[in-house]
Amino acid sequence: MDKVFVENSFYLHGFWEGLVDRYEEMIEKYHPGLGDERWPFVTHFVGCKPCGSYGDYPVERCLKSMERAFNFADNQVLNLYGFRHRGLVSPNIKRIRNETDTPLVNVGWFDIRHTAGQSSGSKS
């Protein structure tokens, strides 16, 4: 093997206790991918036992933090379609862009799988 690729454009995983209370700060100051504070690709909940059996952390705290982590990730998908959660502890969503007539026309501009400005579909 001549070369080894080391992934450094994502914060591949992070422990939940150091992340979930900082999501709003990350949203405000940073962006997904490269940056001083990269957004986590995976947030792991080691030590949480939401089933109620003995765990290292209180069940309520774990469940609240899991909801925040889910909504943080969900916002990244919802943003592609012009929506976002009202808050990281809320299941309710709100419209952030009005695309009623053509809801999918701008998805390529917000698609995180492509560089900004590159369309996800080909135009012929």
N, C-alpha and C. Protein backbone atom coordinates (compact mmCIF):
# COMPACT_ATOMS: atom_id res chain seq x y z
N MET A 1 0.85 -1.17 0.00
CA MET A 1 0.00 0.00 0.00
C MET A 1 0.90 1.24 0.00
N ASP A 2 0.80 2.05 -1.03
CA ASP A 2 1.65 3.22 -1.17
C ASP A 2 1.15 4.44 -0.41
N LYS A 3 -0.16 4.59 -0.31
CA LYS A 3 -0.72 5.79 0.31
C LYS A 3 -1.83 5.42 1.29
N VAL A 4 -1.96 6.23 2.30
CA VAL A 4 -3.03 6.07 3.27
C VAL A 4 -3.78 7.39 3.36
N PHE A 5 -5.10 7.34 3.26
CA PHE A 5 -5.92 8.54 3.36
C PHE A 5 -6.35 8.73 4.81
N VAL A 6 -6.09 9.89 5.35
CA VAL A 6 -6.51 10.22 6.70
C VAL A 6 -7.61 11.28 6.59
N GLU A 7 -8.82 10.92 7.01
CA GLU A 7 -9.96 11.85 6.95
C GLU A 7 -9.78 12.94 7.99
N ASN A 8 -9.82 14.19 7.54
CA ASN A 8 -9.71 15.30 8.49
C ASN A 8 -10.69 16.42 8.19
N SER A 9 -11.62 16.21 7.27
CA SER A 9 -12.57 17.27 6.95
C SER A 9 -13.83 17.20 7.81
N PHE A 10 -13.96 16.16 8.61
CA PHE A 10 -15.09 16.03 9.52
C PHE A 10 -14.59 15.68 10.91
N TYR A 11 -15.34 16.09 11.90
CA TYR A 11 -15.13 15.64 13.27
C TYR A 11 -15.92 14.34 13.33
N LEU A 12 -15.25 13.20 13.14
CA LEU A 12 -15.95 11.95 12.89
C LEU A 12 -16.86 11.50 14.02
N HIS A 13 -16.47 11.70 15.26
CA HIS A 13 -17.36 11.34 16.35
C HIS A 13 -16.98 12.14 17.58
N GLY A 14 -17.95 12.31 18.44
CA GLY A 14 -17.70 13.05 19.67
C GLY A 14 -18.60 12.57 20.78
N PHE A 15 -18.12 12.67 21.99
CA PHE A 15 -18.87 12.27 23.17
C PHE A 15 -19.96 13.29 23.43
N TRP A 16 -21.16 12.84 23.65
CA TRP A 16 -22.34 13.70 23.74
C TRP A 16 -22.22 14.78 24.80
N GLU A 17 -21.62 14.47 25.94
CA GLU A 17 -21.61 15.42 27.04
C GLU A 17 -20.87 16.71 26.69
N GLY A 18 -19.87 16.62 25.83
CA GLY A 18 -19.13 17.81 25.42
C GLY A 18 -19.71 18.51 24.21
N LEU A 19 -20.75 17.93 23.59
CA LEU A 19 -21.29 18.49 22.35
C LEU A 19 -22.69 19.07 22.46
N VAL A 20 -23.61 18.34 23.08
CA VAL A 20 -25.03 18.70 22.98
C VAL A 20 -25.37 20.08 23.53
N ASP A 21 -24.63 20.55 24.50
CA ASP A 21 -24.91 21.89 25.04
C ASP A 21 -24.24 22.99 24.23
N ARG A 22 -23.48 22.61 23.20
CA ARG A 22 -22.77 23.60 22.38
C ARG A 22 -23.30 23.67 20.95
N TYR A 23 -24.37 22.95 20.64
CA TYR A 23 -24.89 22.94 19.27
C TYR A 23 -25.27 24.33 18.78
N GLU A 24 -25.95 25.12 19.61
CA GLU A 24 -26.33 26.47 19.18
C GLU A 24 -25.10 27.32 18.87
N GLU A 25 -24.07 27.18 19.69
CA GLU A 25 -22.82 27.91 19.44
C GLU A 25 -22.19 27.46 18.12
N MET A 26 -22.21 26.16 17.85
CA MET A 26 -21.66 25.64 16.59
C MET A 26 -22.44 26.18 15.40
N ILE A 27 -23.76 26.20 15.52
CA ILE A 27 -24.61 26.70 14.43
C ILE A 27 -24.31 28.18 14.16
N GLU A 28 -24.16 28.95 15.23
CA GLU A 28 -23.93 30.39 15.11
C GLU A 28 -22.55 30.71 14.55
N LYS A 29 -21.51 30.04 15.04
CA LYS A 29 -20.14 30.43 14.72
C LYS A 29 -19.48 29.63 13.60
N TYR A 30 -19.88 28.38 13.42
CA TYR A 30 -19.14 27.49 12.54
C TYR A 30 -20.05 26.91 11.47
N HIS A 31 -19.51 26.06 10.64
CA HIS A 31 -20.26 25.42 9.57
C HIS A 31 -19.83 23.96 9.47
N PRO A 32 -20.62 23.12 8.81
CA PRO A 32 -20.22 21.72 8.67
C PRO A 32 -18.91 21.61 7.88
N GLY A 33 -18.11 20.62 8.20
CA GLY A 33 -16.86 20.41 7.47
C GLY A 33 -15.71 21.14 8.11
N LEU A 34 -14.79 21.62 7.29
CA LEU A 34 -13.58 22.25 7.81
C LEU A 34 -13.87 23.50 8.61
N GLY A 35 -13.09 23.72 9.60
CA GLY A 35 -13.21 24.88 10.48
C GLY A 35 -12.55 24.58 11.80
N ASP A 36 -12.43 25.59 12.63
CA ASP A 36 -11.81 25.37 13.94
C ASP A 36 -12.62 24.40 14.79
N GLU A 37 -13.92 24.52 14.73
CA GLU A 37 -14.81 23.63 15.48
C GLU A 37 -15.70 22.92 14.48
N ARG A 38 -15.30 21.77 14.03
CA ARG A 38 -16.07 21.03 13.04
C ARG A 38 -17.33 20.45 13.66
N TRP A 39 -18.39 20.43 12.88
CA TRP A 39 -19.63 19.82 13.36
C TRP A 39 -19.41 18.32 13.43
N PRO A 40 -19.98 17.65 14.43
CA PRO A 40 -19.77 16.21 14.57
C PRO A 40 -20.54 15.42 13.51
N PHE A 41 -19.90 14.40 12.98
CA PHE A 41 -20.56 13.49 12.05
C PHE A 41 -21.42 12.50 12.84
N VAL A 42 -20.90 12.06 13.96
CA VAL A 42 -21.61 11.15 14.86
C VAL A 42 -21.45 11.66 16.29
N THR A 43 -22.52 11.68 17.03
CA THR A 43 -22.46 11.98 18.47
C THR A 43 -22.81 10.69 19.19
N HIS A 44 -21.87 10.18 19.99
CA HIS A 44 -22.15 8.91 20.66
C HIS A 44 -22.56 9.14 22.11
N PHE A 45 -23.43 8.25 22.58
CA PHE A 45 -24.03 8.38 23.90
C PHE A 45 -23.59 7.24 24.83
N VAL A 46 -22.30 6.99 24.88
CA VAL A 46 -21.75 5.97 25.77
C VAL A 46 -22.07 6.37 27.21
N GLY A 47 -22.55 5.43 27.99
CA GLY A 47 -22.88 5.71 29.38
C GLY A 47 -24.35 5.99 29.61
N CYS A 48 -25.09 6.28 28.54
CA CYS A 48 -26.54 6.50 28.67
C CYS A 48 -27.26 5.17 28.53
N LYS A 49 -28.21 4.97 29.38
CA LYS A 49 -29.04 3.77 29.30
C LYS A 49 -30.50 4.22 29.39
N PRO A 50 -31.09 4.64 28.25
CA PRO A 50 -32.44 5.19 28.28
C PRO A 50 -33.51 4.16 28.65
N CYS A 51 -33.14 2.89 28.67
CA CYS A 51 -34.12 1.87 29.06
C CYS A 51 -34.40 1.91 30.55
N GLY A 52 -33.61 2.68 31.30
CA GLY A 52 -33.86 2.83 32.72
C GLY A 52 -32.96 1.97 33.59
N SER A 53 -32.21 1.03 32.99
CA SER A 53 -31.30 0.24 33.81
C SER A 53 -30.13 1.12 34.23
N TYR A 54 -29.30 0.61 35.10
CA TYR A 54 -28.22 1.42 35.65
C TYR A 54 -27.36 2.02 34.54
N GLY A 55 -27.15 3.32 34.61
CA GLY A 55 -26.30 4.02 33.66
C GLY A 55 -25.46 5.04 34.39
N ASP A 56 -24.51 5.61 33.68
CA ASP A 56 -23.62 6.60 34.28
C ASP A 56 -24.26 7.98 34.40
N TYR A 57 -25.37 8.20 33.68
CA TYR A 57 -26.01 9.51 33.64
C TYR A 57 -27.51 9.36 33.88
N PRO A 58 -28.16 10.39 34.41
CA PRO A 58 -29.62 10.33 34.62
C PRO A 58 -30.35 10.13 33.29
N VAL A 59 -31.39 9.30 33.32
CA VAL A 59 -32.16 8.97 32.12
C VAL A 59 -32.73 10.23 31.47
N GLU A 60 -33.32 11.14 32.25
CA GLU A 60 -33.91 12.37 31.69
C GLU A 60 -32.88 13.20 30.94
N ARG A 61 -31.70 13.32 31.51
CA ARG A 61 -30.63 14.10 30.86
C ARG A 61 -30.22 13.44 29.54
N CYS A 62 -30.10 12.13 29.55
CA CYS A 62 -29.74 11.41 28.32
C CYS A 62 -30.80 11.59 27.24
N LEU A 63 -32.07 11.43 27.61
CA LEU A 63 -33.15 11.55 26.62
C LEU A 63 -33.23 12.96 26.05
N LYS A 64 -33.10 13.97 26.90
CA LYS A 64 -33.12 15.36 26.42
C LYS A 64 -31.94 15.62 25.48
N SER A 65 -30.78 15.11 25.83
CA SER A 65 -29.59 15.30 24.99
C SER A 65 -29.70 14.55 23.68
N MET A 66 -30.30 13.37 23.70
CA MET A 66 -30.51 12.61 22.46
C MET A 66 -31.46 13.35 21.53
N GLU A 67 -32.50 13.96 22.10
CA GLU A 67 -33.44 14.73 21.28
C GLU A 67 -32.73 15.93 20.64
N ARG A 68 -31.88 16.61 21.40
CA ARG A 68 -31.11 17.75 20.87
C ARG A 68 -30.19 17.28 19.74
N ALA A 69 -29.52 16.16 19.93
CA ALA A 69 -28.60 15.63 18.90
C ALA A 69 -29.38 15.25 17.65
N PHE A 70 -30.54 14.61 17.82
CA PHE A 70 -31.35 14.24 16.67
C PHE A 70 -31.80 15.48 15.91
N ASN A 71 -32.32 16.47 16.61
CA ASN A 71 -32.82 17.68 15.95
C ASN A 71 -31.69 18.47 15.29
N PHE A 72 -30.49 18.46 15.89
CA PHE A 72 -29.33 19.12 15.28
C PHE A 72 -29.02 18.47 13.93
N ALA A 73 -29.03 17.14 13.88
CA ALA A 73 -28.78 16.43 12.63
C ALA A 73 -29.95 16.60 11.67
N ASP A 74 -31.16 16.51 12.18
CA ASP A 74 -32.36 16.65 11.36
C ASP A 74 -32.42 18.01 10.68
N ASN A 75 -31.99 19.05 11.37
CA ASN A 75 -31.97 20.40 10.78
C ASN A 75 -31.11 20.45 9.53
N GLN A 76 -30.04 19.68 9.49
CA GLN A 76 -29.16 19.69 8.33
C GLN A 76 -29.86 19.12 7.10
N VAL A 77 -30.75 18.15 7.32
CA VAL A 77 -31.53 17.58 6.23
C VAL A 77 -32.71 18.50 5.89
N LEU A 78 -33.42 18.96 6.91
CA LEU A 78 -34.57 19.84 6.69
C LEU A 78 -34.19 21.12 5.96
N ASN A 79 -32.99 21.63 6.22
CA ASN A 79 -32.52 22.86 5.58
C ASN A 79 -32.51 22.73 4.06
N LEU A 80 -32.26 21.54 3.56
CA LEU A 80 -32.26 21.32 2.12
C LEU A 80 -33.62 21.66 1.50
N TYR A 81 -34.67 21.52 2.28
CA TYR A 81 -36.03 21.72 1.79
C TYR A 81 -36.69 22.98 2.35
N GLY A 82 -35.90 23.82 3.01
CA GLY A 82 -36.42 25.10 3.48
C GLY A 82 -37.07 25.08 4.84
N PHE A 83 -36.72 24.12 5.67
CA PHE A 83 -37.32 24.02 7.01
C PHE A 83 -36.23 23.88 8.07
N ARG A 84 -36.64 24.06 9.33
CA ARG A 84 -35.74 23.87 10.47
C ARG A 84 -36.61 23.69 11.71
N HIS A 85 -36.09 23.01 12.71
CA HIS A 85 -36.80 22.88 13.98
C HIS A 85 -36.87 24.25 14.65
N ARG A 86 -37.96 24.52 15.35
CA ARG A 86 -38.10 25.80 16.07
C ARG A 86 -37.02 25.95 17.13
N GLY A 87 -36.55 24.88 17.66
CA GLY A 87 -35.47 24.85 18.64
C GLY A 87 -34.97 23.42 18.73
N LEU A 88 -33.81 23.23 19.29
CA LEU A 88 -33.25 21.88 19.34
C LEU A 88 -33.99 20.96 20.32
N VAL A 89 -34.86 21.52 21.15
CA VAL A 89 -35.65 20.68 22.06
C VAL A 89 -37.09 20.58 21.59
N SER A 90 -37.38 21.05 20.38
CA SER A 90 -38.75 21.06 19.87
C SER A 90 -38.88 20.15 18.65
N PRO A 91 -39.92 19.31 18.62
CA PRO A 91 -40.17 18.52 17.42
C PRO A 91 -40.83 19.35 16.32
N ASN A 92 -41.33 20.55 16.65
CA ASN A 92 -42.01 21.41 15.68
C ASN A 92 -41.00 22.02 14.72
N ILE A 93 -41.42 22.13 13.46
CA ILE A 93 -40.54 22.73 12.46
C ILE A 93 -41.17 24.01 11.92
N LYS A 94 -40.33 24.86 11.34
CA LYS A 94 -40.80 26.11 10.73
C LYS A 94 -40.15 26.27 9.37
N ARG A 95 -40.81 27.02 8.53
CA ARG A 95 -40.29 27.31 7.19
C ARG A 95 -39.24 28.41 7.32
N ILE A 96 -38.08 28.23 6.66
CA ILE A 96 -37.04 29.26 6.66
C ILE A 96 -36.84 29.87 5.28
N ARG A 97 -37.41 29.22 4.26
CA ARG A 97 -37.42 29.76 2.90
C ARG A 97 -38.78 29.45 2.31
N ASN A 98 -39.34 30.37 1.55
CA ASN A 98 -40.63 30.15 0.92
C ASN A 98 -40.42 29.67 -0.50
N GLU A 99 -40.63 28.38 -0.69
CA GLU A 99 -40.46 27.78 -2.01
C GLU A 99 -41.73 27.01 -2.39
N THR A 100 -42.87 27.62 -2.15
CA THR A 100 -44.14 26.94 -2.35
C THR A 100 -44.38 26.54 -3.79
N ASP A 101 -44.07 27.42 -4.74
CA ASP A 101 -44.33 27.12 -6.15
C ASP A 101 -43.42 26.02 -6.68
N THR A 102 -42.15 26.09 -6.36
CA THR A 102 -41.17 25.11 -6.84
C THR A 102 -40.28 24.68 -5.68
N PRO A 103 -40.77 23.80 -4.82
CA PRO A 103 -40.06 23.48 -3.58
C PRO A 103 -38.71 22.82 -3.75
N LEU A 104 -38.45 22.16 -4.84
CA LEU A 104 -37.19 21.44 -4.99
C LEU A 104 -36.20 22.12 -5.93
N VAL A 105 -36.55 23.28 -6.46
CA VAL A 105 -35.69 23.92 -7.45
C VAL A 105 -34.33 24.32 -6.88
N ASN A 106 -34.26 24.69 -5.61
CA ASN A 106 -33.01 25.16 -5.02
C ASN A 106 -32.27 24.12 -4.19
N VAL A 107 -32.75 22.89 -4.16
CA VAL A 107 -32.13 21.87 -3.32
C VAL A 107 -30.65 21.72 -3.64
N GLY A 108 -30.28 21.79 -4.90
CA GLY A 108 -28.88 21.65 -5.29
C GLY A 108 -27.98 22.71 -4.67
N TRP A 109 -28.51 23.89 -4.41
CA TRP A 109 -27.71 24.97 -3.83
C TRP A 109 -27.43 24.74 -2.35
N PHE A 110 -28.28 23.99 -1.69
CA PHE A 110 -28.13 23.76 -0.26
C PHE A 110 -27.66 22.35 0.06
N ASP A 111 -27.49 21.53 -0.97
CA ASP A 111 -27.13 20.13 -0.78
C ASP A 111 -25.71 20.01 -0.27
N ILE A 112 -25.54 19.45 0.92
CA ILE A 112 -24.22 19.35 1.54
C ILE A 112 -23.35 18.30 0.87
N ARG A 113 -23.91 17.52 -0.04
CA ARG A 113 -23.10 16.52 -0.73
C ARG A 113 -22.30 17.14 -1.87
N HIS A 114 -22.59 18.36 -2.22
CA HIS A 114 -21.92 19.04 -3.32
C HIS A 114 -21.35 20.36 -2.83
N THR A 115 -20.40 20.88 -3.57
CA THR A 115 -19.86 22.19 -3.22
C THR A 115 -20.91 23.25 -3.51
N ALA A 116 -20.83 24.37 -2.81
CA ALA A 116 -21.80 25.45 -2.99
C ALA A 116 -21.82 25.92 -4.43
N GLY A 117 -23.02 26.07 -4.96
CA GLY A 117 -23.17 26.56 -6.32
C GLY A 117 -23.19 25.46 -7.37
N GLN A 118 -22.83 24.25 -6.99
CA GLN A 118 -22.84 23.14 -7.93
C GLN A 118 -24.19 22.46 -7.85
N SER A 119 -24.87 22.33 -8.95
CA SER A 119 -26.19 21.72 -8.96
C SER A 119 -26.08 20.22 -8.78
N SER A 120 -27.07 19.61 -8.11
CA SER A 120 -27.05 18.17 -7.91
C SER A 120 -27.57 17.42 -9.13
N GLY A 121 -28.23 18.10 -10.03
CA GLY A 121 -28.73 17.47 -11.23
C GLY A 121 -28.15 18.13 -12.46
N SER A 122 -28.13 17.40 -13.56
CA SER A 122 -27.60 18.00 -14.78
C SER A 122 -28.72 18.69 -15.53
N LYS A 123 -28.40 19.81 -16.14
CA LYS A 123 -29.39 20.55 -16.94
C LYS A 123 -29.01 20.41 -18.40
N SER A 124 -29.94 19.92 -19.19
CA SER A 124 -29.66 19.74 -20.61
C SER A 124 -30.47 20.69 -21.44
